[in-house]
PDB file of all heavy atoms in Angstrom:
ATOM      1  N   ALA A   1      -1.099   4.065  -1.202  1.00  0.00           N
ATOM      2  CA  ALA A   1      -0.395   5.076  -2.008  1.00  0.00           C
ATOM      3  C   ALA A   1       0.929   5.473  -1.375  1.00  0.00           C
ATOM      4  O   ALA A   1       1.925   5.697  -2.086  1.00  0.00           O
ATOM      5  CB  ALA A   1      -1.285   6.315  -2.182  1.00  0.00           C
ATOM      6  N   LEU A   2       0.976   5.539  -0.038  1.00  0.00           N
ATOM      7  CA  LEU A   2       2.203   5.954   0.640  1.00  0.00           C
ATOM      8  C   LEU A   2       3.329   4.935   0.456  1.00  0.00           C
ATOM      9  O   LEU A   2       4.507   5.265   0.651  1.00  0.00           O
ATOM     10  CB  LEU A   2       1.938   6.159   2.133  1.00  0.00           C
ATOM     11  CG  LEU A   2       1.113   7.396   2.495  1.00  0.00           C
ATOM     12  CD1 LEU A   2       0.835   7.434   3.984  1.00  0.00           C
ATOM     13  CD2 LEU A   2       1.840   8.669   2.068  1.00  0.00           C
ATOM     14  N   ARG A   3       2.985   3.719   0.100  1.00  0.00           N
ATOM     15  CA  ARG A   3       4.006   2.690  -0.118  1.00  0.00           C
ATOM     16  C   ARG A   3       4.213   2.381  -1.601  1.00  0.00           C
ATOM     17  O   ARG A   3       4.907   1.426  -1.946  1.00  0.00           O
ATOM     18  CB  ARG A   3       3.628   1.406   0.626  1.00  0.00           C
ATOM     19  CG  ARG A   3       3.740   1.539   2.134  1.00  0.00           C
ATOM     20  CD  ARG A   3       3.478   0.227   2.838  1.00  0.00           C
ATOM     21  NE  ARG A   3       3.654   0.354   4.279  1.00  0.00           N
ATOM     22  CZ  ARG A   3       4.805   0.203   4.920  1.00  0.00           C
ATOM     23  NH1 ARG A   3       5.889  -0.100   4.236  1.00  0.00           N
ATOM     24  NH2 ARG A   3       4.883   0.339   6.231  1.00  0.00           N
ATOM     25  N   ALA A   4       3.628   3.189  -2.458  1.00  0.00           N
ATOM     26  CA  ALA A   4       3.752   2.952  -3.891  1.00  0.00           C
ATOM     27  C   ALA A   4       5.123   3.424  -4.394  1.00  0.00           C
ATOM     28  O   ALA A   4       5.392   4.625  -4.396  1.00  0.00           O
ATOM     29  CB  ALA A   4       2.638   3.671  -4.645  1.00  0.00           C
ATOM     30  N   PRO A   5       6.007   2.512  -4.824  1.00  0.00           N
ATOM     31  CA  PRO A   5       7.337   2.897  -5.325  1.00  0.00           C
ATOM     32  C   PRO A   5       7.264   3.316  -6.794  1.00  0.00           C
ATOM     33  O   PRO A   5       7.637   2.560  -7.692  1.00  0.00           O
ATOM     34  CB  PRO A   5       8.152   1.621  -5.139  1.00  0.00           C
ATOM     35  CG  PRO A   5       7.153   0.524  -5.320  1.00  0.00           C
ATOM     36  CD  PRO A   5       5.834   1.053  -4.796  1.00  0.00           C
ATOM     37  N   ILE A   6       6.816   4.532  -7.027  1.00  0.00           N
ATOM     38  CA  ILE A   6       6.555   4.992  -8.394  1.00  0.00           C
ATOM     39  C   ILE A   6       7.807   4.930  -9.257  1.00  0.00           C
ATOM     40  O   ILE A   6       7.754   4.497 -10.417  1.00  0.00           O
ATOM     41  CB  ILE A   6       5.986   6.422  -8.370  1.00  0.00           C
ATOM     42  CG1 ILE A   6       4.625   6.426  -7.666  1.00  0.00           C
ATOM     43  CG2 ILE A   6       5.856   6.978  -9.782  1.00  0.00           C
ATOM     44  CD1 ILE A   6       3.999   7.787  -7.537  1.00  0.00           C
ATOM     45  N   PHE A   7       8.944   5.342  -8.739  1.00  0.00           N
ATOM     46  CA  PHE A   7      10.175   5.319  -9.522  1.00  0.00           C
ATOM     47  C   PHE A   7      10.545   3.897  -9.934  1.00  0.00           C
ATOM     48  O   PHE A   7      11.012   3.663 -11.045  1.00  0.00           O
ATOM     49  CB  PHE A   7      11.327   5.959  -8.732  1.00  0.00           C
ATOM     50  CG  PHE A   7      11.283   7.458  -8.717  1.00  0.00           C
ATOM     51  CD1 PHE A   7      10.213   8.152  -9.272  1.00  0.00           C
ATOM     52  CD2 PHE A   7      12.309   8.196  -8.153  1.00  0.00           C
ATOM     53  CE1 PHE A   7      10.155   9.536  -9.261  1.00  0.00           C
ATOM     54  CE2 PHE A   7      12.277   9.582  -8.133  1.00  0.00           C
ATOM     55  CZ  PHE A   7      11.189  10.254  -8.693  1.00  0.00           C
ATOM     56  N   GLU A   8      10.334   2.949  -9.034  1.00  0.00           N
ATOM     57  CA  GLU A   8      10.613   1.547  -9.371  1.00  0.00           C
ATOM     58  C   GLU A   8       9.675   1.071 -10.483  1.00  0.00           C
ATOM     59  O   GLU A   8      10.100   0.352 -11.384  1.00  0.00           O
ATOM     60  CB  GLU A   8      10.456   0.663  -8.135  1.00  0.00           C
ATOM     61  CG  GLU A   8      11.549   0.842  -7.105  1.00  0.00           C
ATOM     62  CD  GLU A   8      11.429  -0.159  -5.978  1.00  0.00           C
ATOM     63  OE1 GLU A   8      10.607  -1.098  -6.096  1.00  0.00           O
ATOM     64  OE2 GLU A   8      12.157  -0.019  -4.981  1.00  0.00           O
ATOM     65  N   TRP A   9       8.442   1.471 -10.401  1.00  0.00           N
ATOM     66  CA  TRP A   9       7.491   1.078 -11.440  1.00  0.00           C
ATOM     67  C   TRP A   9       7.896   1.642 -12.794  1.00  0.00           C
ATOM     68  O   TRP A   9       7.794   0.960 -13.819  1.00  0.00           O
ATOM     69  CB  TRP A   9       6.092   1.558 -11.071  1.00  0.00           C
ATOM     70  CG  TRP A   9       5.501   0.831  -9.891  1.00  0.00           C
ATOM     71  CD1 TRP A   9       5.992  -0.274  -9.267  1.00  0.00           C
ATOM     72  CD2 TRP A   9       4.296   1.164  -9.198  1.00  0.00           C
ATOM     73  NE1 TRP A   9       5.197  -0.656  -8.226  1.00  0.00           N
ATOM     74  CE2 TRP A   9       4.133   0.209  -8.158  1.00  0.00           C
ATOM     75  CE3 TRP A   9       3.349   2.168  -9.335  1.00  0.00           C
ATOM     76  CZ2 TRP A   9       3.053   0.232  -7.286  1.00  0.00           C
ATOM     77  CZ3 TRP A   9       2.270   2.198  -8.463  1.00  0.00           C
ATOM     78  CH2 TRP A   9       2.126   1.239  -7.455  1.00  0.00           C
ATOM     79  N   LEU A  10       8.356   2.895 -12.791  1.00  0.00           N
ATOM     80  CA  LEU A  10       8.782   3.504 -14.053  1.00  0.00           C
ATOM     81  C   LEU A  10       9.983   2.780 -14.648  1.00  0.00           C
ATOM     82  O   LEU A  10      10.189   2.790 -15.870  1.00  0.00           O
ATOM     83  CB  LEU A  10       9.122   4.982 -13.822  1.00  0.00           C
ATOM     84  CG  LEU A  10       7.938   5.891 -13.443  1.00  0.00           C
ATOM     85  CD1 LEU A  10       8.421   7.303 -13.129  1.00  0.00           C
ATOM     86  CD2 LEU A  10       6.894   5.918 -14.563  1.00  0.00           C
ATOM     87  N   MET A  11      10.766   2.134 -13.780  1.00  0.00           N
ATOM     88  CA  MET A  11      11.936   1.377 -14.244  1.00  0.00           C
ATOM     89  C   MET A  11      11.602  -0.078 -14.524  1.00  0.00           C
ATOM     90  O   MET A  11      12.474  -0.877 -14.844  1.00  0.00           O
ATOM     91  CB  MET A  11      13.038   1.461 -13.191  1.00  0.00           C
ATOM     92  CG  MET A  11      13.555   2.871 -12.950  1.00  0.00           C
ATOM     93  SD  MET A  11      14.724   2.967 -11.555  1.00  0.00           S
ATOM     94  CE  MET A  11      16.052   1.930 -12.176  1.00  0.00           C
ATOM     95  N   GLY A  12      10.311  -0.393 -14.408  1.00  0.00           N
ATOM     96  CA  GLY A  12       9.880  -1.749 -14.708  1.00  0.00           C
ATOM     97  C   GLY A  12      10.070  -2.738 -13.582  1.00  0.00           C
ATOM     98  O   GLY A  12       9.999  -3.952 -13.792  1.00  0.00           O
ATOM     99  N   GLU A  13      10.291  -2.255 -12.353  1.00  0.00           N
ATOM    100  CA  GLU A  13      10.460  -3.132 -11.202  1.00  0.00           C
ATOM    101  C   GLU A  13       9.168  -3.150 -10.384  1.00  0.00           C
ATOM    102  O   GLU A  13       8.669  -2.098  -9.991  1.00  0.00           O
ATOM    103  CB  GLU A  13      11.620  -2.651 -10.320  1.00  0.00           C
ATOM    104  CG  GLU A  13      12.973  -2.648 -11.022  1.00  0.00           C
ATOM    105  CD  GLU A  13      14.077  -2.150 -10.110  1.00  0.00           C
ATOM    106  OE1 GLU A  13      13.837  -2.084  -8.883  1.00  0.00           O
ATOM    107  OE2 GLU A  13      15.167  -1.816 -10.611  1.00  0.00           O
ATOM    108  N   PHE A  14       8.668  -4.345 -10.143  1.00  0.00           N
ATOM    109  CA  PHE A  14       7.409  -4.477  -9.413  1.00  0.00           C
ATOM    110  C   PHE A  14       7.591  -5.474  -8.265  1.00  0.00           C
ATOM    111  O   PHE A  14       7.987  -6.617  -8.483  1.00  0.00           O
ATOM    112  CB  PHE A  14       6.289  -4.942 -10.339  1.00  0.00           C
ATOM    113  CG  PHE A  14       6.016  -3.988 -11.473  1.00  0.00           C
ATOM    114  CD1 PHE A  14       6.632  -4.159 -12.705  1.00  0.00           C
ATOM    115  CD2 PHE A  14       5.159  -2.914 -11.307  1.00  0.00           C
ATOM    116  CE1 PHE A  14       6.399  -3.281 -13.753  1.00  0.00           C
ATOM    117  CE2 PHE A  14       4.922  -2.031 -12.347  1.00  0.00           C
ATOM    118  CZ  PHE A  14       5.543  -2.210 -13.566  1.00  0.00           C
ATOM    119  N   ARG A  15       7.324  -4.993  -7.039  1.00  0.00           N
ATOM    120  CA  ARG A  15       7.423  -5.846  -5.858  1.00  0.00           C
ATOM    121  C   ARG A  15       6.089  -5.857  -5.118  1.00  0.00           C
ATOM    122  O   ARG A  15       5.228  -5.012  -5.346  1.00  0.00           O
ATOM    123  CB  ARG A  15       8.523  -5.337  -4.915  1.00  0.00           C
ATOM    124  CG  ARG A  15       9.929  -5.344  -5.514  1.00  0.00           C
ATOM    125  CD  ARG A  15      10.927  -4.848  -4.473  1.00  0.00           C
ATOM    126  NE  ARG A  15      10.674  -3.463  -4.100  1.00  0.00           N
ATOM    127  CZ  ARG A  15      10.938  -2.943  -2.899  1.00  0.00           C
ATOM    128  NH1 ARG A  15      11.407  -3.715  -1.946  1.00  0.00           N
ATOM    129  NH2 ARG A  15      10.693  -1.668  -2.638  1.00  0.00           N
ATOM    130  N   THR A  16       5.944  -6.825  -4.231  1.00  0.00           N
ATOM    131  CA  THR A  16       4.708  -6.919  -3.448  1.00  0.00           C
ATOM    132  C   THR A  16       4.718  -5.984  -2.249  1.00  0.00           C
ATOM    133  O   THR A  16       3.774  -5.969  -1.464  1.00  0.00           O
ATOM    134  CB  THR A  16       4.497  -8.364  -2.954  1.00  0.00           C
ATOM    135  OG1 THR A  16       5.636  -8.765  -2.157  1.00  0.00           O
ATOM    136  CG2 THR A  16       4.354  -9.312  -4.137  1.00  0.00           C
ATOM    137  N   TYR A  17       5.782  -5.189  -2.112  1.00  0.00           N
ATOM    138  CA  TYR A  17       5.901  -4.250  -0.994  1.00  0.00           C
ATOM    139  C   TYR A  17       4.693  -3.322  -0.908  1.00  0.00           C
ATOM    140  O   TYR A  17       4.256  -2.959   0.183  1.00  0.00           O
ATOM    141  CB  TYR A  17       7.191  -3.435  -1.166  1.00  0.00           C
ATOM    142  CG  TYR A  17       7.346  -2.293  -0.187  1.00  0.00           C
ATOM    143  CD1 TYR A  17       7.781  -2.523   1.124  1.00  0.00           C
ATOM    144  CD2 TYR A  17       7.082  -0.982  -0.565  1.00  0.00           C
ATOM    145  CE1 TYR A  17       7.935  -1.468   2.030  1.00  0.00           C
ATOM    146  CE2 TYR A  17       7.232   0.077   0.329  1.00  0.00           C
ATOM    147  CZ  TYR A  17       7.652  -0.179   1.611  1.00  0.00           C
ATOM    148  OH  TYR A  17       7.789   0.862   2.497  1.00  0.00           O
ATOM    149  N   VAL A  18       4.153  -2.947  -2.045  1.00  0.00           N
ATOM    150  CA  VAL A  18       3.036  -2.010  -2.062  1.00  0.00           C
ATOM    151  C   VAL A  18       1.791  -2.592  -1.391  1.00  0.00           C
ATOM    152  O   VAL A  18       0.894  -1.858  -0.976  1.00  0.00           O
ATOM    153  CB  VAL A  18       2.714  -1.580  -3.509  1.00  0.00           C
ATOM    154  CG1 VAL A  18       2.098  -2.741  -4.287  1.00  0.00           C
ATOM    155  CG2 VAL A  18       1.796  -0.358  -3.532  1.00  0.00           C
ATOM    156  N   LEU A  19       1.729  -3.917  -1.276  1.00  0.00           N
ATOM    157  CA  LEU A  19       0.566  -4.572  -0.690  1.00  0.00           C
ATOM    158  C   LEU A  19       0.681  -4.752   0.827  1.00  0.00           C
ATOM    159  O   LEU A  19      -0.242  -5.257   1.461  1.00  0.00           O
ATOM    160  CB  LEU A  19       0.353  -5.942  -1.346  1.00  0.00           C
ATOM    161  CG  LEU A  19       0.068  -5.931  -2.844  1.00  0.00           C
ATOM    162  CD1 LEU A  19      -0.105  -7.355  -3.364  1.00  0.00           C
ATOM    163  CD2 LEU A  19      -1.174  -5.103  -3.157  1.00  0.00           C
ATOM    164  N   VAL A  20       1.809  -4.320   1.396  1.00  0.00           N
ATOM    165  CA  VAL A  20       1.981  -4.400   2.844  1.00  0.00           C
ATOM    166  C   VAL A  20       0.931  -3.530   3.537  1.00  0.00           C
ATOM    167  O   VAL A  20       0.649  -2.415   3.107  1.00  0.00           O
ATOM    168  CB  VAL A  20       3.405  -3.943   3.235  1.00  0.00           C
ATOM    169  CG1 VAL A  20       3.495  -3.672   4.724  1.00  0.00           C
ATOM    170  CG2 VAL A  20       4.422  -4.999   2.837  1.00  0.00           C
ATOM    171  N   VAL A  21       0.353  -4.049   4.599  1.00  0.00           N
ATOM    172  CA  VAL A  21      -0.709  -3.343   5.329  1.00  0.00           C
ATOM    173  C   VAL A  21      -0.120  -2.603   6.521  1.00  0.00           C
ATOM    174  O   VAL A  21       0.659  -3.163   7.304  1.00  0.00           O
ATOM    175  CB  VAL A  21      -1.795  -4.335   5.791  1.00  0.00           C
ATOM    176  CG1 VAL A  21      -2.787  -3.648   6.727  1.00  0.00           C
ATOM    177  CG2 VAL A  21      -2.509  -4.927   4.582  1.00  0.00           C
ATOM    178  N   ASP A  22      -0.486  -1.341   6.659  1.00  0.00           N
ATOM    179  CA  ASP A  22       0.000  -0.503   7.754  1.00  0.00           C
ATOM    180  C   ASP A  22      -1.204   0.070   8.495  1.00  0.00           C
ATOM    181  O   ASP A  22      -2.342  -0.321   8.258  1.00  0.00           O
ATOM    182  CB  ASP A  22       0.898   0.603   7.199  1.00  0.00           C
ATOM    183  CG  ASP A  22       1.977   1.020   8.196  1.00  0.00           C
ATOM    184  OD1 ASP A  22       1.703   0.964   9.406  1.00  0.00           O
ATOM    185  OD2 ASP A  22       3.075   1.394   7.769  1.00  0.00           O
ATOM    186  N   VAL A  23      -0.942   1.059   9.348  1.00  0.00           N
ATOM    187  CA  VAL A  23      -1.972   1.558  10.251  1.00  0.00           C
ATOM    188  C   VAL A  23      -3.179   2.130   9.513  1.00  0.00           C
ATOM    189  O   VAL A  23      -4.330   1.913   9.923  1.00  0.00           O
ATOM    190  CB  VAL A  23      -1.373   2.614  11.213  1.00  0.00           C
ATOM    191  CG1 VAL A  23      -0.835   3.801  10.464  1.00  0.00           C
ATOM    192  CG2 VAL A  23      -2.395   3.042  12.245  1.00  0.00           C
ATOM    193  N   LEU A  24      -2.968   2.851   8.410  1.00  0.00           N
ATOM    194  CA  LEU A  24      -4.102   3.473   7.733  1.00  0.00           C
ATOM    195  C   LEU A  24      -5.058   2.441   7.152  1.00  0.00           C
ATOM    196  O   LEU A  24      -6.277   2.596   7.230  1.00  0.00           O
ATOM    197  CB  LEU A  24      -3.608   4.411   6.623  1.00  0.00           C
ATOM    198  CG  LEU A  24      -2.886   5.672   7.060  1.00  0.00           C
ATOM    199  CD1 LEU A  24      -2.657   6.593   5.866  1.00  0.00           C
ATOM    200  CD2 LEU A  24      -3.654   6.408   8.140  1.00  0.00           C
ATOM    201  N   GLN A  25      -4.507   1.380   6.550  1.00  0.00           N
ATOM    202  CA  GLN A  25      -5.389   0.358   6.003  1.00  0.00           C
ATOM    203  C   GLN A  25      -6.189  -0.314   7.105  1.00  0.00           C
ATOM    204  O   GLN A  25      -7.383  -0.590   6.934  1.00  0.00           O
ATOM    205  CB  GLN A  25      -4.585  -0.709   5.241  1.00  0.00           C
ATOM    206  CG  GLN A  25      -3.969  -0.222   3.940  1.00  0.00           C
ATOM    207  CD  GLN A  25      -2.528   0.158   4.103  1.00  0.00           C
ATOM    208  OE1 GLN A  25      -2.168   0.810   5.085  1.00  0.00           O
ATOM    209  NE2 GLN A  25      -1.691  -0.223   3.151  1.00  0.00           N
ATOM    210  N   CYS A  26      -5.546  -0.575   8.244  1.00  0.00           N
ATOM    211  CA  CYS A  26      -6.250  -1.241   9.339  1.00  0.00           C
ATOM    212  C   CYS A  26      -7.337  -0.346   9.927  1.00  0.00           C
ATOM    213  O   CYS A  26      -8.433  -0.820  10.237  1.00  0.00           O
ATOM    214  CB  CYS A  26      -5.256  -1.643  10.430  1.00  0.00           C
ATOM    215  SG  CYS A  26      -4.559  -3.273  10.183  1.00  0.00           S
ATOM    216  N   ILE A  27      -7.044   0.935  10.069  1.00  0.00           N
ATOM    217  CA  ILE A  27      -8.057   1.846  10.596  1.00  0.00           C
ATOM    218  C   ILE A  27      -9.189   1.997   9.591  1.00  0.00           C
ATOM    219  O   ILE A  27     -10.372   2.017   9.961  1.00  0.00           O
ATOM    220  CB  ILE A  27      -7.442   3.209  10.936  1.00  0.00           C
ATOM    221  CG1 ILE A  27      -6.511   3.057  12.136  1.00  0.00           C
ATOM    222  CG2 ILE A  27      -8.523   4.237  11.249  1.00  0.00           C
ATOM    223  CD1 ILE A  27      -5.819   4.330  12.553  1.00  0.00           C
ATOM    224  N   GLY A  28      -8.847   2.099   8.313  1.00  0.00           N
ATOM    225  CA  GLY A  28      -9.875   2.211   7.286  1.00  0.00           C
ATOM    226  C   GLY A  28     -10.806   1.011   7.267  1.00  0.00           C
ATOM    227  O   GLY A  28     -12.033   1.160   7.251  1.00  0.00           O
ATOM    228  N   LEU A  29     -10.236  -0.187   7.290  1.00  0.00           N
ATOM    229  CA  LEU A  29     -11.058  -1.395   7.315  1.00  0.00           C
ATOM    230  C   LEU A  29     -11.856  -1.482   8.617  1.00  0.00           C
ATOM    231  O   LEU A  29     -13.020  -1.904   8.604  1.00  0.00           O
ATOM    232  CB  LEU A  29     -10.170  -2.631   7.163  1.00  0.00           C
ATOM    233  CG  LEU A  29     -10.889  -3.986   7.165  1.00  0.00           C
ATOM    234  CD1 LEU A  29     -11.958  -4.050   6.079  1.00  0.00           C
ATOM    235  CD2 LEU A  29      -9.889  -5.131   7.007  1.00  0.00           C
ATOM    236  N   SER A  30     -11.263  -1.052   9.715  1.00  0.00           N
ATOM    237  CA  SER A  30     -11.968  -1.080  11.003  1.00  0.00           C
ATOM    238  C   SER A  30     -13.179  -0.157  10.982  1.00  0.00           C
ATOM    239  O   SER A  30     -14.240  -0.492  11.534  1.00  0.00           O
ATOM    240  CB  SER A  30     -11.020  -0.669  12.139  1.00  0.00           C
ATOM    241  OG  SER A  30      -9.984  -1.608  12.299  1.00  0.00           O
ATOM    242  N   LEU A  31     -13.052   0.996  10.348  1.00  0.00           N
ATOM    243  CA  LEU A  31     -14.193   1.897  10.213  1.00  0.00           C
ATOM    244  C   LEU A  31     -15.336   1.221   9.474  1.00  0.00           C
ATOM    245  O   LEU A  31     -16.500   1.317   9.852  1.00  0.00           O
ATOM    246  CB  LEU A  31     -13.785   3.163   9.458  1.00  0.00           C
ATOM    247  CG  LEU A  31     -12.879   4.166  10.156  1.00  0.00           C
ATOM    248  CD1 LEU A  31     -12.695   5.390   9.273  1.00  0.00           C
ATOM    249  CD2 LEU A  31     -13.464   4.572  11.490  1.00  0.00           C
ATOM    250  N   ILE A  32     -14.983   0.548   8.396  1.00  0.00           N
ATOM    251  CA  ILE A  32     -15.994  -0.146   7.602  1.00  0.00           C
ATOM    252  C   ILE A  32     -16.669  -1.230   8.435  1.00  0.00           C
ATOM    253  O   ILE A  32     -17.903  -1.397   8.391  1.00  0.00           O
ATOM    254  CB  ILE A  32     -15.351  -0.743   6.341  1.00  0.00           C
ATOM    255  CG1 ILE A  32     -14.837   0.387   5.430  1.00  0.00           C
ATOM    256  CG2 ILE A  32     -16.330  -1.632   5.581  1.00  0.00           C
ATOM    257  CD1 ILE A  32     -14.012  -0.084   4.258  1.00  0.00           C
ATOM    258  N   LEU A  33     -15.892  -1.952   9.226  1.00  0.00           N
ATOM    259  CA  LEU A  33     -16.458  -3.010  10.074  1.00  0.00           C
ATOM    260  C   LEU A  33     -17.346  -2.436  11.170  1.00  0.00           C
ATOM    261  O   LEU A  33     -18.382  -3.025  11.507  1.00  0.00           O
ATOM    262  CB  LEU A  33     -15.321  -3.841  10.681  1.00  0.00           C
ATOM    263  CG  LEU A  33     -14.496  -4.676   9.700  1.00  0.00           C
ATOM    264  CD1 LEU A  33     -13.345  -5.371  10.425  1.00  0.00           C
ATOM    265  CD2 LEU A  33     -15.378  -5.716   9.001  1.00  0.00           C
ATOM    266  N   ILE A  34     -16.956  -1.299  11.735  1.00  0.00           N
ATOM    267  CA  ILE A  34     -17.792  -0.654  12.761  1.00  0.00           C
ATOM    268  C   ILE A  34     -19.141  -0.270  12.164  1.00  0.00           C
ATOM    269  O   ILE A  34     -20.200  -0.471  12.782  1.00  0.00           O
ATOM    270  CB  ILE A  34     -17.082   0.585  13.335  1.00  0.00           C
ATOM    271  CG1 ILE A  34     -15.890   0.178  14.208  1.00  0.00           C
ATOM    272  CG2 ILE A  34     -18.063   1.439  14.134  1.00  0.00           C
ATOM    273  CD1 ILE A  34     -16.267  -0.516  15.496  1.00  0.00           C
TER     274      ILE A  34
END
């Protein structure tokens, strides 16, 4: 959500930037693995 470019989406622009993985996703997945 923190990387979701809402304004770009409203203008019809869609990039794969939102799928970039950062610290929260890695910690979240690590919790699940633990």
